[in-house]
Amino acid sequence: MALLEVENIHSFYGNVQALRGVSLTVEEGEVVTLIGSNGAGKTTTLRSINGILPPREGKIVFRSEEIQGMPVHDMVKRGIAQSPEGRKIFHRMTVLENLEMGAYHRNDRAEIQQDMTHVFDLFPRLKERVKQEAGTMSGGEQQMLAIGRSLMSRPNLLLLDEPSMGLAPVLVERIFQVIKEINRQGTTILLVEQNANVALEIATRGYVLETGSIVNAASAEKLREDPNVREAYLGEI
């Protein structure tokens, strides 16, 4: 059985339907990406998985357990963490305090410290800024902090929502190098990313979303070769 199975979910914002029968799977150890235009339902899919916007219909199974409708804090305890779109860091807290918030549900102090060291190894800039208020850092540093905070829960599945948004190309390259390393070290990743070129470079497989529905699913390599994907999402004609 896959690590994550999403089966025919329908999600709504009030009376407005945002997802229409979305189904996908994520196998352990993979990087799976969702690509699509703005408003296609990518972020909504992540929000439905992690409990922020529970689907009205359909099923979500994580590690053989149905989780749809569970509160977000239970998702974190079960091994799902998200680095959200727009980072959503705690601006008035220090870098250290933000990272500690990522481990709020844990009491294994020695291992929390090990994970803190691991985050600093991945993002040395955060160690340099450990006592700095997070809101005073650059956008790239805040993105590093958002990912680092999510790792502090020690997730089996990491949901990444637009990690390159608003970043300079050199920082995008650095962030995605770290994402590849996080995956190499054993964390499964479901990635939402507007920059389809970068996403398909590191992904194992991908799904294409249009107006709340999956319209294509294939290996990353096949999606890169698909003429419709190339024209619509890779900037090629």
Protein backbone atom coordinates (compact mmCIF):
# COMPACT_ATOMS: atom_id res chain seq x y z
CA MET A 1 0.00 0.00 0.00
CA ALA A 2 1.18 3.51 -0.79
CA LEU A 3 2.24 5.84 2.02
CA LEU A 4 -0.55 8.24 1.01
CA GLU A 5 -3.68 7.45 -0.99
CA VAL A 6 -6.14 10.17 -1.92
CA GLU A 7 -9.32 8.74 -3.41
CA ASN A 8 -11.94 10.80 -5.24
CA ILE A 9 -12.00 13.78 -2.88
CA HIS A 10 -14.36 16.72 -3.33
CA SER A 11 -13.54 19.87 -1.36
CA PHE A 12 -15.43 23.12 -1.04
CA TYR A 13 -14.95 26.68 0.14
CA GLY A 14 -18.47 27.37 1.36
CA ASN A 15 -20.69 26.54 -1.60
CA VAL A 16 -17.87 26.82 -4.14
CA GLN A 17 -16.43 23.48 -5.19
CA ALA A 18 -12.63 23.60 -5.45
CA LEU A 19 -11.72 19.92 -5.95
CA ARG A 20 -13.70 17.57 -8.16
CA GLY A 21 -12.82 13.95 -7.56
CA VAL A 22 -9.06 14.28 -7.06
CA SER A 23 -7.21 10.98 -6.67
CA LEU A 24 -3.47 10.50 -6.24
CA THR A 25 -0.93 8.28 -4.52
CA VAL A 26 2.48 8.91 -3.00
CA GLU A 27 4.80 5.98 -2.44
CA GLU A 28 7.30 5.97 0.39
CA GLY A 29 10.55 7.68 -0.62
CA GLU A 30 9.11 9.54 -3.61
CA VAL A 31 8.98 13.18 -4.55
CA VAL A 32 5.58 13.69 -6.19
CA THR A 33 4.65 17.08 -7.61
CA LEU A 34 1.35 18.77 -8.38
CA ILE A 35 1.53 21.28 -11.21
CA GLY A 36 -1.12 23.54 -12.64
CA SER A 37 -2.05 27.16 -13.14
CA ASN A 38 -3.13 29.54 -10.36
CA GLY A 39 -6.51 28.48 -9.01
CA ALA A 40 -6.24 24.92 -10.31
CA GLY A 41 -6.58 23.41 -6.83
CA LYS A 42 -2.99 22.59 -5.90
CA THR A 43 -2.93 24.31 -2.52
CA THR A 44 -6.48 23.13 -1.82
CA THR A 45 -5.33 19.54 -2.34
CA LEU A 46 -2.64 19.98 0.33
CA ARG A 47 -5.10 21.71 2.65
CA SER A 48 -7.50 18.80 2.23
CA ILE A 49 -4.80 16.26 2.99
CA ASN A 50 -3.51 17.95 6.14
CA GLY A 51 -6.92 18.64 7.65
CA ILE A 52 -7.25 22.40 7.14
CA LEU A 53 -10.03 21.90 4.58
CA PRO A 54 -11.47 18.41 5.08
CA PRO A 55 -13.10 17.01 1.93
CA ARG A 56 -16.87 16.58 1.91
CA GLU A 57 -16.56 13.39 -0.11
CA GLY A 58 -13.82 10.86 -0.75
CA LYS A 59 -11.15 9.15 1.29
CA ILE A 60 -7.59 9.95 2.39
CA VAL A 61 -5.46 7.08 3.69
CA PHE A 62 -2.06 7.62 5.31
CA ARG A 63 -0.02 4.64 6.45
CA SER A 64 -3.10 2.40 6.10
CA GLU A 65 -5.28 4.66 8.27
CA GLU A 66 -8.15 6.84 7.07
CA ILE A 67 -7.38 10.40 8.13
CA GLN A 68 -9.91 12.63 6.37
CA GLY A 69 -11.59 14.90 8.88
CA MET A 70 -8.87 14.59 11.53
CA PRO A 71 -7.66 17.90 13.04
CA VAL A 72 -4.34 19.29 11.90
CA HIS A 73 -2.50 18.56 15.16
CA ASP A 74 -3.40 14.88 14.83
CA MET A 75 -2.00 14.88 11.30
CA VAL A 76 1.29 16.23 12.63
CA LYS A 77 1.43 13.54 15.32
CA ARG A 78 0.84 10.89 12.66
CA GLY A 79 3.75 12.14 10.56
CA ILE A 80 2.40 14.72 8.10
CA ALA A 81 3.93 18.20 8.17
CA GLN A 82 3.46 21.15 5.85
CA SER A 83 5.58 24.12 4.86
CA PRO A 84 2.75 26.41 3.74
CA GLU A 85 2.44 28.84 0.88
CA GLY A 86 3.64 32.25 2.03
CA ARG A 87 5.82 30.64 4.74
CA LYS A 88 3.52 31.61 7.66
CA ILE A 89 6.39 31.90 10.11
CA PHE A 90 5.94 33.56 13.52
CA HIS A 91 7.37 36.97 12.73
CA ARG A 92 7.89 38.20 16.29
CA MET A 93 9.51 34.99 17.46
CA THR A 94 13.18 34.24 16.99
CA VAL A 95 14.47 31.61 14.61
CA LEU A 96 15.03 29.30 17.56
CA GLU A 97 11.50 29.80 18.87
CA ASN A 98 10.02 29.11 15.43
CA LEU A 99 11.93 25.86 15.19
CA GLU A 100 10.87 24.87 18.70
CA MET A 101 7.24 25.45 17.68
CA GLY A 102 7.72 22.84 14.97
CA ALA A 103 8.38 20.28 17.71
CA TYR A 104 5.57 21.43 20.01
CA HIS A 105 4.01 17.97 20.25
CA ARG A 106 7.27 16.21 21.13
CA ASN A 107 8.93 15.73 24.53
CA ASP A 108 12.04 13.77 23.47
CA ARG A 109 14.41 16.64 24.27
CA ALA A 110 17.64 14.94 23.22
CA GLU A 111 16.23 13.98 19.83
CA ILE A 112 14.69 17.41 19.37
CA GLN A 113 18.17 18.86 19.81
CA GLN A 114 19.52 16.38 17.25
CA ASP A 115 16.86 17.48 14.78
CA MET A 116 17.68 21.13 15.47
CA THR A 117 21.31 20.39 14.62
CA HIS A 118 20.15 18.63 11.45
CA VAL A 119 18.14 21.70 10.39
CA PHE A 120 21.19 23.90 10.99
CA ASP A 121 23.29 21.53 8.88
CA LEU A 122 20.78 21.87 6.04
CA PHE A 123 20.43 25.64 6.48
CA PRO A 124 23.60 27.12 8.04
CA ARG A 125 22.11 30.60 7.62
CA LEU A 126 19.50 29.76 10.27
CA LYS A 127 22.20 28.92 12.79
CA GLU A 128 23.77 32.31 12.15
CA ARG A 129 20.38 33.96 12.74
CA VAL A 130 19.24 31.79 15.64
CA LYS A 131 18.45 34.70 18.00
CA GLN A 132 17.09 37.01 15.30
CA GLU A 133 13.39 37.84 15.01
CA ALA A 134 12.10 35.84 12.06
CA GLY A 135 10.18 38.75 10.57
CA THR A 136 13.38 40.73 10.03
CA MET A 137 14.96 38.09 7.79
CA SER A 138 14.98 37.98 3.99
CA GLY A 139 12.37 36.04 2.05
CA GLY A 140 14.84 33.27 1.30
CA GLU A 141 15.81 32.94 4.94
CA GLN A 142 12.16 32.84 5.95
CA GLN A 143 11.54 30.03 3.45
CA MET A 144 14.45 28.10 4.94
CA LEU A 145 12.90 28.62 8.37
CA ALA A 146 9.46 27.45 7.23
CA ILE A 147 10.92 24.23 5.86
CA GLY A 148 13.14 23.78 8.90
CA ARG A 149 10.19 24.27 11.26
CA SER A 150 8.21 21.58 9.42
CA LEU A 151 11.14 19.18 9.70
CA MET A 152 11.20 19.60 13.48
CA SER A 153 8.08 17.45 13.73
CA ARG A 154 10.12 14.63 12.17
CA PRO A 155 7.57 13.95 9.38
CA ASN A 156 7.22 10.85 7.23
CA LEU A 157 5.47 12.98 4.62
CA LEU A 158 6.41 16.60 3.98
CA LEU A 159 3.94 18.80 2.12
CA LEU A 160 5.71 21.70 0.42
CA ASP A 161 3.56 24.52 -0.94
CA GLU A 162 5.29 26.89 -3.39
CA PRO A 163 8.77 26.86 -1.79
CA SER A 164 10.25 29.01 -4.57
CA MET A 165 7.61 31.75 -4.46
CA GLY A 166 9.15 35.21 -4.55
CA LEU A 167 12.74 34.02 -4.41
CA ALA A 168 15.68 34.99 -6.61
CA PRO A 169 16.90 32.23 -8.97
CA VAL A 170 20.06 31.57 -6.94
CA LEU A 171 17.96 31.00 -3.80
CA VAL A 172 15.51 28.80 -5.69
CA GLU A 173 18.41 26.58 -6.71
CA ARG A 174 19.64 26.38 -3.12
CA ILE A 175 16.18 25.59 -1.71
CA PHE A 176 15.65 22.78 -4.20
CA GLN A 177 19.10 21.34 -3.52
CA VAL A 178 18.05 21.06 0.12
CA ILE A 179 14.67 19.55 -0.81
CA LYS A 180 16.50 16.85 -2.78
CA GLU A 181 18.75 16.21 0.23
CA ILE A 182 15.78 15.97 2.60
CA ASN A 183 14.26 13.36 0.30
CA ARG A 184 17.56 11.52 -0.05
CA GLN A 185 17.70 11.25 3.73
CA GLY A 186 14.36 9.45 3.77
CA THR A 187 11.50 11.96 3.89
CA THR A 188 8.73 11.49 1.33
CA ILE A 189 7.64 14.75 -0.31
CA LEU A 190 4.47 16.00 -1.96
CA LEU A 191 5.39 19.23 -3.71
CA VAL A 192 3.19 22.02 -5.04
CA GLU A 193 5.24 24.35 -7.20
CA GLN A 194 4.35 27.01 -9.76
CA ASN A 195 7.79 26.61 -11.36
CA ALA A 196 7.02 23.36 -13.18
CA ASN A 197 10.48 23.16 -14.72
CA VAL A 198 12.16 22.98 -11.33
CA ALA A 199 9.50 20.71 -9.84
CA LEU A 200 9.76 18.12 -12.62
CA GLU A 201 13.54 18.11 -12.36
CA ILE A 202 13.46 16.70 -8.83
CA ALA A 203 10.16 14.78 -8.84
CA THR A 204 9.67 11.07 -9.38
CA ARG A 205 6.13 11.50 -10.69
CA GLY A 206 3.68 14.30 -11.23
CA TYR A 207 0.01 15.15 -11.50
CA VAL A 208 -1.46 17.99 -13.56
CA LEU A 209 -4.44 19.79 -12.04
CA GLU A 210 -6.91 21.90 -13.99
CA THR A 211 -9.96 23.54 -12.38
CA GLY A 212 -9.99 21.09 -9.48
CA SER A 213 -9.50 17.87 -11.46
CA ILE A 214 -6.52 15.69 -12.33
CA VAL A 215 -6.09 15.78 -16.11
CA ASN A 216 -2.72 14.06 -16.45
CA ALA A 217 -0.54 11.77 -14.34
CA ALA A 218 2.81 10.29 -15.34
CA SER A 219 6.45 10.05 -14.49
CA ALA A 220 8.24 13.39 -14.31
CA GLU A 221 10.17 12.47 -17.43
CA LYS A 222 7.02 11.75 -19.44
CA LEU A 223 5.39 14.96 -18.26
CA ARG A 224 8.45 16.96 -19.35
CA GLU A 225 8.10 15.39 -22.82
CA ASP A 226 4.33 15.89 -23.09
CA PRO A 227 3.66 18.67 -25.66
CA ASN A 228 0.61 19.96 -23.79
CA VAL A 229 2.56 20.22 -20.54
CA ARG A 230 5.50 21.82 -22.32
CA GLU A 231 3.29 24.49 -23.84
CA ALA A 232 1.07 25.18 -20.85
CA TYR A 233 3.51 24.90 -17.93
CA LEU A 234 7.10 24.84 -19.18
CA GLY A 235 6.92 27.98 -21.32
CA GLU A 236 7.56 26.20 -24.60
CA ILE A 237 5.62 26.42 -27.85
